[in-house]
C-alpha atoms as a PDB file:
ATOM      1  CA  MET A   1      -0.047  -0.179   0.050  1.00  0.00           C
ATOM      2  CA  LYS A   2       1.209   3.246  -1.051  1.00  0.00           C
ATOM      3  CA  PHE A   3       0.760   6.645   0.547  1.00  0.00           C
ATOM      4  CA  PRO A   4      -0.824   9.480  -1.134  1.00  0.00           C
ATOM      5  CA  LYS A   5       2.090  11.630  -0.399  1.00  0.00           C
ATOM      6  CA  GLN A   6       5.690  10.935   0.765  1.00  0.00           C
ATOM      7  CA  HIS A   7       6.183  10.960   4.282  1.00  0.00           C
ATOM      8  CA  THR A   8       9.156  11.275   6.148  1.00  0.00           C
ATOM      9  CA  LEU A   9      10.623   9.168   9.280  1.00  0.00           C
ATOM     10  CA  LYS A  10      10.069  11.353  12.252  1.00  0.00           C
ATOM     11  CA  GLN A  11       6.096  12.382  10.705  1.00  0.00           C
ATOM     12  CA  ILE A  12       5.577   8.390  10.844  1.00  0.00           C
ATOM     13  CA  ALA A  13       7.444   7.846  14.104  1.00  0.00           C
ATOM     14  CA  GLU A  14       5.227  10.922  15.448  1.00  0.00           C
ATOM     15  CA  LEU A  15       2.083   9.411  14.308  1.00  0.00           C
ATOM     16  CA  ILE A  16       2.684   5.925  15.913  1.00  0.00           C
ATOM     17  CA  GLY A  17       4.511   7.375  19.255  1.00  0.00           C
ATOM     18  CA  CYS A  18       7.301   5.259  18.460  1.00  0.00           C
ATOM     19  CA  ASP A  19      11.212   6.179  18.606  1.00  0.00           C
ATOM     20  CA  PHE A  20      13.521   5.784  15.352  1.00  0.00           C
ATOM     21  CA  VAL A  21      17.047   5.125  13.957  1.00  0.00           C
ATOM     22  CA  GLY A  22      17.910   6.817  11.138  1.00  0.00           C
ATOM     23  CA  ASP A  23      17.936  10.411   9.347  1.00  0.00           C
ATOM     24  CA  LEU A  24      14.632  12.122  10.372  1.00  0.00           C
ATOM     25  CA  ASN A  25      13.772  12.998   6.755  1.00  0.00           C
ATOM     26  CA  PHE A  26      14.056   9.444   5.487  1.00  0.00           C
ATOM     27  CA  PRO A  27      11.622   8.967   2.889  1.00  0.00           C
ATOM     28  CA  VAL A  28       8.845   6.808   3.560  1.00  0.00           C
ATOM     29  CA  LEU A  29       6.708   6.037   0.599  1.00  0.00           C
ATOM     30  CA  GLY A  30       4.155   3.196   1.952  1.00  0.00           C
ATOM     31  CA  MET A  31       3.765  -0.148   4.124  1.00  0.00           C
ATOM     32  CA  ASN A  32       3.571  -3.581   2.658  1.00  0.00           C
ATOM     33  CA  GLU A  33       3.843  -7.368   4.110  1.00  0.00           C
ATOM     34  CA  ILE A  34       7.521  -8.967   3.593  1.00  0.00           C
ATOM     35  CA  HIS A  35       6.671 -10.972   0.961  1.00  0.00           C
ATOM     36  CA  VAL A  36       5.749  -7.663  -1.527  1.00  0.00           C
ATOM     37  CA  VAL A  37       7.771  -5.171   0.324  1.00  0.00           C
ATOM     38  CA  GLU A  38       9.680  -2.369  -2.311  1.00  0.00           C
ATOM     39  CA  ALA A  39      12.450   0.042  -1.247  1.00  0.00           C
ATOM     40  CA  GLY A  40      10.405   2.966   0.771  1.00  0.00           C
ATOM     41  CA  ASP A  41       8.038   0.540   2.536  1.00  0.00           C
ATOM     42  CA  ILE A  42       7.438  -0.022   6.030  1.00  0.00           C
ATOM     43  CA  VAL A  43       7.669  -3.881   7.404  1.00  0.00           C
ATOM     44  CA  PHE A  44       6.891  -4.959  10.590  1.00  0.00           C
ATOM     45  CA  VAL A  45       8.351  -7.857  12.509  1.00  0.00           C
ATOM     46  CA  ASP A  46       7.680  -8.545  16.117  1.00  0.00           C
ATOM     47  CA  HIS A  47       9.966 -12.268  16.783  1.00  0.00           C
ATOM     48  CA  PRO A  48      13.447 -12.463  16.656  1.00  0.00           C
ATOM     49  CA  LYS A  49      13.090 -15.069  14.888  1.00  0.00           C
ATOM     50  CA  TYR A  50      12.282 -13.005  11.487  1.00  0.00           C
ATOM     51  CA  TYR A  51      14.341 -10.421  12.524  1.00  0.00           C
ATOM     52  CA  ASP A  52      16.595 -11.127   9.544  1.00  0.00           C
ATOM     53  CA  LYS A  53      14.226 -11.642   7.112  1.00  0.00           C
ATOM     54  CA  ALA A  54      12.840  -8.359   7.635  1.00  0.00           C
ATOM     55  CA  LEU A  55      16.336  -6.349   8.696  1.00  0.00           C
ATOM     56  CA  ASN A  56      17.604  -7.962   4.850  1.00  0.00           C
ATOM     57  CA  SER A  57      13.867  -7.543   2.502  1.00  0.00           C
ATOM     58  CA  ALA A  58      13.352  -5.110   0.026  1.00  0.00           C
ATOM     59  CA  ALA A  59      11.799  -2.730   2.921  1.00  0.00           C
ATOM     60  CA  THR A  60      13.949   0.049   3.966  1.00  0.00           C
ATOM     61  CA  ILE A  61      11.785   0.864   6.952  1.00  0.00           C
ATOM     62  CA  ILE A  62      11.672  -1.702   9.864  1.00  0.00           C
ATOM     63  CA  LEU A  63       9.107  -1.478  12.286  1.00  0.00           C
ATOM     64  CA  ILE A  64      10.733  -3.731  15.074  1.00  0.00           C
ATOM     65  CA  ASN A  65      10.235  -4.074  18.896  1.00  0.00           C
ATOM     66  CA  LYS A  66      13.841  -3.720  20.077  1.00  0.00           C
ATOM     67  CA  LYS A  67      16.733  -1.369  18.718  1.00  0.00           C
ATOM     68  CA  VAL A  68      18.992  -3.517  17.036  1.00  0.00           C
ATOM     69  CA  ASP A  69      21.763  -2.719  13.898  1.00  0.00           C
ATOM     70  CA  CYS A  70      20.357  -0.763  11.378  1.00  0.00           C
ATOM     71  CA  PRO A  71      21.560  -1.730   7.872  1.00  0.00           C
ATOM     72  CA  GLU A  72      23.116   0.818   5.541  1.00  0.00           C
ATOM     73  CA  GLY A  73      20.589   2.885   3.504  1.00  0.00           C
ATOM     74  CA  LYS A  74      17.541   1.609   6.231  1.00  0.00           C
ATOM     75  CA  ALA A  75      15.838   3.434   9.568  1.00  0.00           C
ATOM     76  CA  LEU A  76      14.222   1.542  11.547  1.00  0.00           C
ATOM     77  CA  LEU A  77      10.746   2.675  13.835  1.00  0.00           C
ATOM     78  CA  VAL A  78      11.114   1.090  17.156  1.00  0.00           C
ATOM     79  CA  SER A  79       7.933   0.018  18.890  1.00  0.00           C
ATOM     80  CA  ASP A  80       6.635  -1.811  21.528  1.00  0.00           C
ATOM     81  CA  ASP A  81       4.184  -3.450  19.744  1.00  0.00           C
ATOM     82  CA  PRO A  82       4.572  -3.482  16.011  1.00  0.00           C
ATOM     83  CA  PHE A  83       1.620  -5.199  15.398  1.00  0.00           C
ATOM     84  CA  ARG A  84      -0.689  -2.293  16.912  1.00  0.00           C
ATOM     85  CA  ASP A  85       1.330   0.453  15.475  1.00  0.00           C
ATOM     86  CA  PHE A  86       1.059  -1.502  12.066  1.00  0.00           C
ATOM     87  CA  ASN A  87      -2.499  -1.299  12.339  1.00  0.00           C
ATOM     88  CA  THR A  88      -2.204   2.339  13.659  1.00  0.00           C
ATOM     89  CA  LEU A  89      -0.990   3.183  10.090  1.00  0.00           C
ATOM     90  CA  THR A  90      -3.465   1.098   8.161  1.00  0.00           C
ATOM     91  CA  ASN A  91      -6.054   2.930  10.278  1.00  0.00           C
ATOM     92  CA  HIS A  92      -4.625   6.328   9.360  1.00  0.00           C
ATOM     93  CA  PHE A  93      -4.218   5.904   5.812  1.00  0.00           C
ATOM     94  CA  LYS A  94      -6.756   3.465   4.926  1.00  0.00           C
ATOM     95  CA  PRO A  95      -9.806   4.203   7.402  1.00  0.00           C
ATOM     96  CA  PHE A  96     -12.471   2.441   7.110  1.00  0.00           C
ATOM     97  CA  GLN A  97     -15.595   4.375   5.332  1.00  0.00           C
ATOM     98  CA  SER A  98     -19.286   3.245   6.069  1.00  0.00           C
ATOM     99  CA  ALA A  99     -21.565   3.628   3.230  1.00  0.00           C
ATOM    100  CA  ASN A 100     -25.147   5.593   2.875  1.00  0.00           C
ATOM    101  CA  SER A 101     -26.083   3.739  -0.421  1.00  0.00           C
ATOM    102  CA  ALA A 102     -26.817   0.574  -1.893  1.00  0.00           C
ATOM    103  CA  ILE A 103     -23.791   2.172  -4.666  1.00  0.00           C
ATOM    104  CA  SER A 104     -21.409   4.570  -3.545  1.00  0.00           C
ATOM    105  CA  ALA A 105     -21.308   7.568  -5.787  1.00  0.00           C
ATOM    106  CA  SER A 106     -17.390   7.262  -6.356  1.00  0.00           C
ATOM    107  CA  ALA A 107     -17.722   3.668  -7.902  1.00  0.00           C
ATOM    108  CA  LYS A 108     -16.864   3.930 -11.762  1.00  0.00           C
ATOM    109  CA  ILE A 109     -19.006   1.223 -13.948  1.00  0.00           C
ATOM    110  CA  GLY A 110     -18.247   0.260 -17.513  1.00  0.00           C
ATOM    111  CA  GLU A 111     -20.426   0.532 -20.346  1.00  0.00           C
ATOM    112  CA  ASN A 112     -23.080  -2.403 -21.096  1.00  0.00           C
ATOM    113  CA  THR A 113     -21.911  -3.552 -17.680  1.00  0.00           C
ATOM    114  CA  VAL A 114     -25.427  -5.099 -15.525  1.00  0.00           C
ATOM    115  CA  ILE A 115     -25.897  -4.718 -11.746  1.00  0.00           C
ATOM    116  CA  GLN A 116     -28.809  -6.726 -11.017  1.00  0.00           C
ATOM    117  CA  PRO A 117     -30.792  -5.637  -7.838  1.00  0.00           C
ATOM    118  CA  ASN A 118     -29.860  -6.016  -4.189  1.00  0.00           C
ATOM    119  CA  CYS A 119     -26.181  -5.748  -5.023  1.00  0.00           C
ATOM    120  CA  PHE A 120     -23.755  -4.063  -2.861  1.00  0.00           C
ATOM    121  CA  ILE A 121     -20.984  -1.680  -4.582  1.00  0.00           C
ATOM    122  CA  GLY A 122     -18.098  -0.068  -1.868  1.00  0.00           C
ATOM    123  CA  HIS A 123     -16.077   3.153  -2.458  1.00  0.00           C
ATOM    124  CA  ASN A 124     -13.846   3.616  -5.197  1.00  0.00           C
ATOM    125  CA  VAL A 125     -14.846   0.280  -6.722  1.00  0.00           C
ATOM    126  CA  GLU A 126     -13.823   0.167 -10.625  1.00  0.00           C
ATOM    127  CA  ILE A 127     -15.888  -2.442 -12.615  1.00  0.00           C
ATOM    128  CA  GLY A 128     -15.264  -2.576 -16.457  1.00  0.00           C
ATOM    129  CA  GLU A 129     -17.289  -3.149 -19.527  1.00  0.00           C
ATOM    130  CA  ASN A 130     -19.666  -5.996 -20.632  1.00  0.00           C
ATOM    131  CA  CYS A 131     -19.796  -7.357 -16.918  1.00  0.00           C
ATOM    132  CA  VAL A 132     -22.879  -9.088 -15.588  1.00  0.00           C
ATOM    133  CA  ILE A 133     -23.014  -8.815 -11.766  1.00  0.00           C
ATOM    134  CA  HIS A 134     -25.771 -10.698 -10.370  1.00  0.00           C
ATOM    135  CA  ALA A 135     -28.234 -10.513  -7.563  1.00  0.00           C
ATOM    136  CA  ASN A 136     -26.949  -9.827  -3.523  1.00  0.00           C
ATOM    137  CA  VAL A 137     -23.149  -9.745  -4.710  1.00  0.00           C
ATOM    138  CA  SER A 138     -21.471  -7.376  -2.184  1.00  0.00           C
ATOM    139  CA  ILE A 139     -18.203  -5.814  -3.253  1.00  0.00           C
ATOM    140  CA  TYR A 140     -16.362  -3.792  -0.838  1.00  0.00           C
ATOM    141  CA  ASP A 141     -14.123  -0.906  -1.336  1.00  0.00           C
ATOM    142  CA  ASP A 142     -11.323  -0.249  -3.413  1.00  0.00           C
ATOM    143  CA  THR A 143     -12.062  -3.510  -5.611  1.00  0.00           C
ATOM    144  CA  VAL A 144     -10.923  -3.620  -9.480  1.00  0.00           C
ATOM    145  CA  ILE A 145     -12.747  -5.735 -11.864  1.00  0.00           C
ATOM    146  CA  GLY A 146     -12.128  -6.180 -15.464  1.00  0.00           C
ATOM    147  CA  ASP A 147     -14.236  -6.249 -18.700  1.00  0.00           C
ATOM    148  CA  TYR A 148     -16.006  -9.404 -19.504  1.00  0.00           C
ATOM    149  CA  VAL A 149     -16.502 -10.557 -15.799  1.00  0.00           C
ATOM    150  CA  THR A 150     -19.850 -12.317 -14.295  1.00  0.00           C
ATOM    151  CA  ILE A 151     -20.248 -12.828 -10.857  1.00  0.00           C
ATOM    152  CA  HIS A 152     -23.018 -14.942  -9.380  1.00  0.00           C
ATOM    153  CA  SER A 153     -25.384 -14.409  -6.428  1.00  0.00           C
ATOM    154  CA  GLY A 154     -23.931 -14.625  -2.716  1.00  0.00           C
ATOM    155  CA  THR A 155     -20.459 -13.791  -3.794  1.00  0.00           C
ATOM    156  CA  VAL A 156     -18.698 -11.414  -1.947  1.00  0.00           C
ATOM    157  CA  LEU A 157     -15.265  -9.592  -2.513  1.00  0.00           C
ATOM    158  CA  GLY A 158     -12.755  -7.765  -0.322  1.00  0.00           C
ATOM    159  CA  ALA A 159     -13.829  -9.223   3.046  1.00  0.00           C
ATOM    160  CA  ASN A 160     -11.266  -8.933   5.707  1.00  0.00           C
ATOM    161  CA  ALA A 161      -7.750 -11.023   5.658  1.00  0.00           C
ATOM    162  CA  PHE A 162      -8.318 -13.811   8.131  1.00  0.00           C
ATOM    163  CA  TYR A 163      -5.227 -12.763  10.231  1.00  0.00           C
ATOM    164  CA  TYR A 164      -4.943 -12.480  14.023  1.00  0.00           C
ATOM    165  CA  LYS A 165      -2.070 -12.036  16.900  1.00  0.00           C
ATOM    166  CA  LYS A 166      -3.207 -13.888  20.035  1.00  0.00           C
ATOM    167  CA  ARG A 167      -3.128 -12.029  22.990  1.00  0.00           C
ATOM    168  CA  PRO A 168      -3.375 -12.966  26.540  1.00  0.00           C
ATOM    169  CA  ASP A 169      -7.172 -11.562  26.707  1.00  0.00           C
ATOM    170  CA  GLY A 170      -8.040 -12.842  23.310  1.00  0.00           C
ATOM    171  CA  TYR A 171      -7.360 -12.655  19.632  1.00  0.00           C
ATOM    172  CA  ASP A 172      -6.517  -9.278  17.702  1.00  0.00           C
ATOM    173  CA  ARG A 173      -6.659  -8.622  14.046  1.00  0.00           C
ATOM    174  CA  LEU A 174      -4.297  -7.643  11.512  1.00  0.00           C
ATOM    175  CA  LYS A 175      -6.573  -4.616   9.871  1.00  0.00           C
ATOM    176  CA  SER A 176      -6.470  -5.309   5.891  1.00  0.00           C
ATOM    177  CA  GLY A 177      -6.147  -2.152   3.716  1.00  0.00           C
ATOM    178  CA  GLY A 178      -5.052  -4.489   0.478  1.00  0.00           C
ATOM    179  CA  ARG A 179      -7.595  -4.767  -2.610  1.00  0.00           C
ATOM    180  CA  VAL A 180      -9.333  -7.349  -4.829  1.00  0.00           C
ATOM    181  CA  VAL A 181      -8.137  -7.365  -8.559  1.00  0.00           C
ATOM    182  CA  ILE A 182     -10.441  -9.236 -10.688  1.00  0.00           C
ATOM    183  CA  GLU A 183      -8.568  -9.349 -14.436  1.00  0.00           C
ATOM    184  CA  ASP A 184     -10.954  -9.772 -17.590  1.00  0.00           C
ATOM    185  CA  HIS A 185     -12.715 -12.713 -18.511  1.00  0.00           C
ATOM    186  CA  VAL A 186     -13.211 -14.165 -15.079  1.00  0.00           C
ATOM    187  CA  ASP A 187     -16.072 -15.648 -13.937  1.00  0.00           C
ATOM    188  CA  ILE A 188     -16.792 -16.570 -10.756  1.00  0.00           C
ATOM    189  CA  GLY A 189     -19.703 -18.694  -9.537  1.00  0.00           C
ATOM    190  CA  ALA A 190     -22.284 -18.021  -6.791  1.00  0.00           C
ATOM    191  CA  ALA A 191     -21.223 -17.842  -2.763  1.00  0.00           C
ATOM    192  CA  CYS A 192     -17.487 -17.765  -3.565  1.00  0.00           C
ATOM    193  CA  THR A 193     -15.939 -15.507  -0.820  1.00  0.00           C
ATOM    194  CA  ILE A 194     -12.339 -13.475  -1.945  1.00  0.00           C
ATOM    195  CA  ASP A 195     -10.536 -11.861   0.963  1.00  0.00           C
ATOM    196  CA  ARG A 196      -8.622  -8.629   0.200  1.00  0.00           C
ATOM    197  CA  GLY A 197      -5.037  -8.252   0.745  1.00  0.00           C
ATOM    198  CA  VAL A 198      -3.756  -6.830   3.816  1.00  0.00           C
ATOM    199  CA  THR A 199      -1.421  -4.087   2.269  1.00  0.00           C
ATOM    200  CA  ALA A 200      -1.097  -5.563  -1.505  1.00  0.00           C
ATOM    201  CA  ASP A 201      -3.971  -6.995  -3.641  1.00  0.00           C
ATOM    202  CA  THR A 202      -5.323 -10.467  -3.982  1.00  0.00           C
ATOM    203  CA  ARG A 203      -5.591 -11.212  -7.524  1.00  0.00           C
ATOM    204  CA  ILE A 204      -7.544 -13.252  -9.739  1.00  0.00           C
ATOM    205  CA  GLY A 205      -5.918 -13.795 -13.200  1.00  0.00           C
ATOM    206  CA  TYR A 206      -7.401 -13.069 -16.562  1.00  0.00           C
ATOM    207  CA  GLY A 207      -9.559 -16.134 -18.327  1.00  0.00           C
ATOM    208  CA  SER A 208     -10.082 -17.663 -14.662  1.00  0.00           C
ATOM    209  CA  LYS A 209     -13.405 -19.444 -13.868  1.00  0.00           C
ATOM    210  CA  LEU A 210     -14.547 -20.003 -10.299  1.00  0.00           C
ATOM    211  CA  ASP A 211     -16.926 -22.524  -9.131  1.00  0.00           C
ATOM    212  CA  ASN A 212     -19.404 -22.286  -6.130  1.00  0.00           C
ATOM    213  CA  GLN A 213     -18.498 -22.143  -3.130  1.00  0.00           C
ATOM    214  CA  ILE A 214     -14.766 -21.054  -3.467  1.00  0.00           C
ATOM    215  CA  GLN A 215     -12.571 -19.297  -0.441  1.00  0.00           C
ATOM    216  CA  ILE A 216      -9.602 -17.494  -1.400  1.00  0.00           C
ATOM    217  CA  GLY A 217      -7.116 -15.711   1.209  1.00  0.00           C
ATOM    218  CA  HIS A 218      -5.575 -12.458   1.565  1.00  0.00           C
ATOM    219  CA  ASP A 219      -2.540 -11.609  -1.153  1.00  0.00           C
ATOM    220  CA  THR A 220      -3.427 -15.061  -2.546  1.00  0.00           C
ATOM    221  CA  VAL A 221      -2.231 -14.477  -6.511  1.00  0.00           C
ATOM    222  CA  LEU A 222      -4.379 -16.515  -9.136  1.00  0.00           C
ATOM    223  CA  GLY A 223      -2.788 -16.857 -12.351  1.00  0.00           C
ATOM    224  CA  LYS A 224      -4.039 -16.790 -15.821  1.00  0.00           C
ATOM    225  CA  LYS A 225      -6.691 -19.658 -16.963  1.00  0.00           C
ATOM    226  CA  CYS A 226      -7.332 -21.734 -13.868  1.00  0.00           C
ATOM    227  CA  LEU A 227      -9.954 -23.524 -12.970  1.00  0.00           C
ATOM    228  CA  ILE A 228     -11.687 -23.971  -9.631  1.00  0.00           C
ATOM    229  CA  ALA A 229     -13.886 -26.526  -8.911  1.00  0.00           C
ATOM    230  CA  SER A 230     -16.546 -25.792  -5.896  1.00  0.00           C
ATOM    231  CA  GLN A 231     -15.514 -25.841  -2.113  1.00  0.00           C
ATOM    232  CA  ALA A 232     -12.098 -25.615  -2.857  1.00  0.00           C
ATOM    233  CA  GLY A 233     -10.225 -23.296  -0.245  1.00  0.00           C
ATOM    234  CA  ILE A 234      -6.979 -21.600  -0.652  1.00  0.00           C
ATOM    235  CA  ALA A 235      -5.198 -19.723   2.074  1.00  0.00           C
ATOM    236  CA  GLY A 236      -3.578 -16.682   2.387  1.00  0.00           C
ATOM    237  CA  CYS A 237      -0.132 -15.705   0.455  1.00  0.00           C
ATOM    238  CA  VAL A 238      -0.532 -18.422  -1.803  1.00  0.00           C
ATOM    239  CA  VAL A 239       1.008 -18.284  -5.372  1.00  0.00           C
ATOM    240  CA  VAL A 240      -0.990 -20.070  -8.079  1.00  0.00           C
ATOM    241  CA  GLU A 241       0.737 -19.726 -11.429  1.00  0.00           C
ATOM    242  CA  ASP A 242      -0.882 -19.807 -14.893  1.00  0.00           C
ATOM    243  CA  GLU A 243      -3.629 -23.155 -16.254  1.00  0.00           C
ATOM    244  CA  VAL A 244      -3.801 -24.739 -12.422  1.00  0.00           C
ATOM    245  CA  VAL A 245      -6.786 -26.989 -12.172  1.00  0.00           C
ATOM    246  CA  ILE A 246      -7.915 -27.488  -8.346  1.00  0.00           C
ATOM    247  CA  TRP A 247     -10.872 -29.869  -8.187  1.00  0.00           C
ATOM    248  CA  GLY A 248     -13.676 -29.965  -5.566  1.00  0.00           C
ATOM    249  CA  GLN A 249     -13.049 -29.755  -1.648  1.00  0.00           C
ATOM    250  CA  ALA A 250      -9.476 -29.226  -1.922  1.00  0.00           C
ATOM    251  CA  GLY A 251      -7.272 -27.222   0.633  1.00  0.00           C
ATOM    252  CA  VAL A 252      -4.365 -25.342   0.176  1.00  0.00           C
ATOM    253  CA  LYS A 253      -1.713 -24.074   2.545  1.00  0.00           C
ATOM    254  CA  SER A 254      -0.463 -20.599   2.997  1.00  0.00           C
ATOM    255  CA  GLY A 255       2.761 -19.280   1.550  1.00  0.00           C
ATOM    256  CA  ILE A 256       3.236 -21.757  -1.120  1.00  0.00           C
ATOM    257  CA  THR A 257       3.545 -21.936  -4.899  1.00  0.00           C
ATOM    258  CA  ILE A 258       1.464 -23.917  -7.171  1.00  0.00           C
ATOM    259  CA  ALA A 259       3.183 -24.301 -10.170  1.00  0.00           C
ATOM    260  CA  LYS A 260       2.033 -23.701 -13.717  1.00  0.00           C
ATOM    261  CA  GLY A 261       0.042 -26.754 -15.071  1.00  0.00           C
ATOM    262  CA  THR A 262      -0.634 -28.508 -11.664  1.00  0.00           C
ATOM    263  CA  GLU A 263      -3.589 -30.398 -11.301  1.00  0.00           C
ATOM    264  CA  LEU A 264      -4.823 -30.962  -7.826  1.00  0.00           C
ATOM    265  CA  PHE A 265      -7.590 -33.869  -7.114  1.00  0.00           C
ATOM    266  CA  ALA A 266     -10.658 -33.334  -5.227  1.00  0.00           C
ATOM    267  CA  GLN A 267     -10.437 -33.447  -1.250  1.00  0.00           C
ATOM    268  CA  SER A 268      -6.756 -32.965  -1.479  1.00  0.00           C
ATOM    269  CA  GLY A 269      -4.682 -31.243   1.047  1.00  0.00           C
ATOM    270  CA  LEU A 270      -1.679 -29.248  -0.200  1.00  0.00           C
ATOM    271  CA  GLY A 271       0.624 -27.784   2.196  1.00  0.00           C
ATOM    272  CA  HIS A 272       3.581 -27.803  -0.187  1.00  0.00           C
ATOM    273  CA  SER A 273       4.743 -26.129  -3.563  1.00  0.00           C
ATOM    274  CA  THR A 274       4.655 -28.200  -6.330  1.00  0.00           C
ATOM    275  CA  ASP A 275       6.366 -28.958  -9.568  1.00  0.00           C
ATOM    276  CA  ALA A 276       4.988 -27.915 -12.708  1.00  0.00           C
ATOM    277  CA  ASN A 277       2.420 -30.082 -14.890  1.00  0.00           C
ATOM    278  CA  LYS A 278       2.380 -32.585 -12.399  1.00  0.00           C
ATOM    279  CA  ALA A 279      -0.980 -33.938 -10.732  1.00  0.00           C
ATOM    280  CA  TYR A 280      -1.422 -34.224  -6.696  1.00  0.00           C
ATOM    281  CA  PHE A 281      -3.566 -36.255  -4.467  1.00  0.00           C
ATOM    282  CA  GLY A 282      -4.248 -37.206  -0.914  1.00  0.00           C
ATOM    283  CA  SER A 283      -3.949 -35.640   2.521  1.00  0.00           C
ATOM    284  CA  PRO A 284      -1.124 -34.678   3.290  1.00  0.00           C
ATOM    285  CA  ALA A 285      -0.971 -34.446  -1.117  1.00  0.00           C
ATOM    286  CA  GLY A 286       1.331 -36.211  -3.257  1.00  0.00           C
ATOM    287  CA  GLU A 287       2.070 -37.116  -6.549  1.00  0.00           C
ATOM    288  CA  ALA A 288      -1.085 -38.456  -7.714  1.00  0.00           C
ATOM    289  CA  ARG A 289       0.666 -41.498  -9.314  1.00  0.00           C
ATOM    290  CA  GLU A 290       2.406 -42.602  -6.421  1.00  0.00           C
ATOM    291  CA  LYS A 291      -0.593 -41.876  -4.071  1.00  0.00           C
ATOM    292  CA  PHE A 292      -2.311 -44.534  -6.414  1.00  0.00           C
ATOM    293  CA  LYS A 293      -0.146 -46.861  -5.867  1.00  0.00           C
ATOM    294  CA  GLU A 294       0.340 -46.310  -2.139  1.00  0.00           C
ATOM    295  CA  LEU A 295      -3.489 -47.199  -2.334  1.00  0.00           C
ATOM    296  CA  ALA A 296      -3.114 -50.325  -4.251  1.00  0.00           C
ATOM    297  CA  TYR A 297      -0.881 -51.723  -1.913  1.00  0.00           C
ATOM    298  CA  ILE A 298      -3.024 -51.073   1.272  1.00  0.00           C
ATOM    299  CA  ARG A 299      -5.938 -52.801  -0.731  1.00  0.00           C
ATOM    300  CA  LYS A 300      -3.760 -55.684  -0.769  1.00  0.00           C
ATOM    301  CA  ILE A 301      -2.846 -55.732   2.898  1.00  0.00           C
ATOM    302  CA  PRO A 302      -6.264 -58.236   3.753  1.00  0.00           C
ATOM    303  CA  GLU A 303      -4.744 -60.410   1.702  1.00  0.00           C
ATOM    304  CA  ILE A 304      -1.334 -60.282   2.944  1.00  0.00           C
ATOM    305  CA  LEU A 305      -2.398 -61.122   6.295  1.00  0.00           C
ATOM    306  CA  LYS A 306      -4.654 -63.908   5.549  1.00  0.00           C
ATOM    307  CA  SER A 307      -1.556 -65.518   3.976  1.00  0.00           C
ATOM    308  CA  ILE A 308       0.716 -64.661   6.665  1.00  0.00           C
ATOM    309  CA  LYS A 309      -1.968 -66.865   9.311  1.00  0.00           C
ATOM    310  CA  LYS A 310      -1.793 -70.000   6.940  1.00  0.00           C
END
């Protein structure tokens, strides 16, 4: 998430009430999660296990809960609670705006696009040309939809990321200031849920087709011409490359890459990155051919036991 204008390190430190290490005029351009940071971004880290990863990332401003040696060319924001202060920044630069109409006056809707009754279209939404948005679809603020997109009833685009920090008295939510981006020629079935990015984009690539009742988590990037069947669930921060097929009721772990041309069979649970153009099956999922061999061997167990008893 980029800020509307450049800020200084001192300005950001004053905003969240923390100490800083670095030139007080050090430029701050935005804030992002570790996997999408760029120069000028703030990234937060609150556990020693991840200090090195954050300090050595592309981010040039590190919001951290301990004063450490600052890498050359970077700056530190030293906070007693980086998670809280990251939320403070999101609230400041991307505050929630309540709606007073079903279709916001700031929404932009292209020619020949049909919006069926009882849809909600939030602030700063952009919908391209020749789209059909069926009844009871909810499109939250800042969502971007391309041309020739069809979205069926009950789908929700842009709900909060499922991202929480455990506290002694419960769970704190990491606030979401990112977007959902739907590219051209995408079809989305009924009752699908696609969460917005925390600071960046959750993206559905050109020509991809989603069946009904599919969940896609925050910051996941779905490639071009992918096919996802009903009741599949993809966690946050997953990279799904082009022409991937995911069949019904499959589940995908966060933070992995599903390589181009992968096929994930129904009811599989995928917990690791895949190789291109291979099929996977099972839970935990493995290469389908090997998994089917394992099942064949398992079927032989009763016969083997009978032979042993003899």
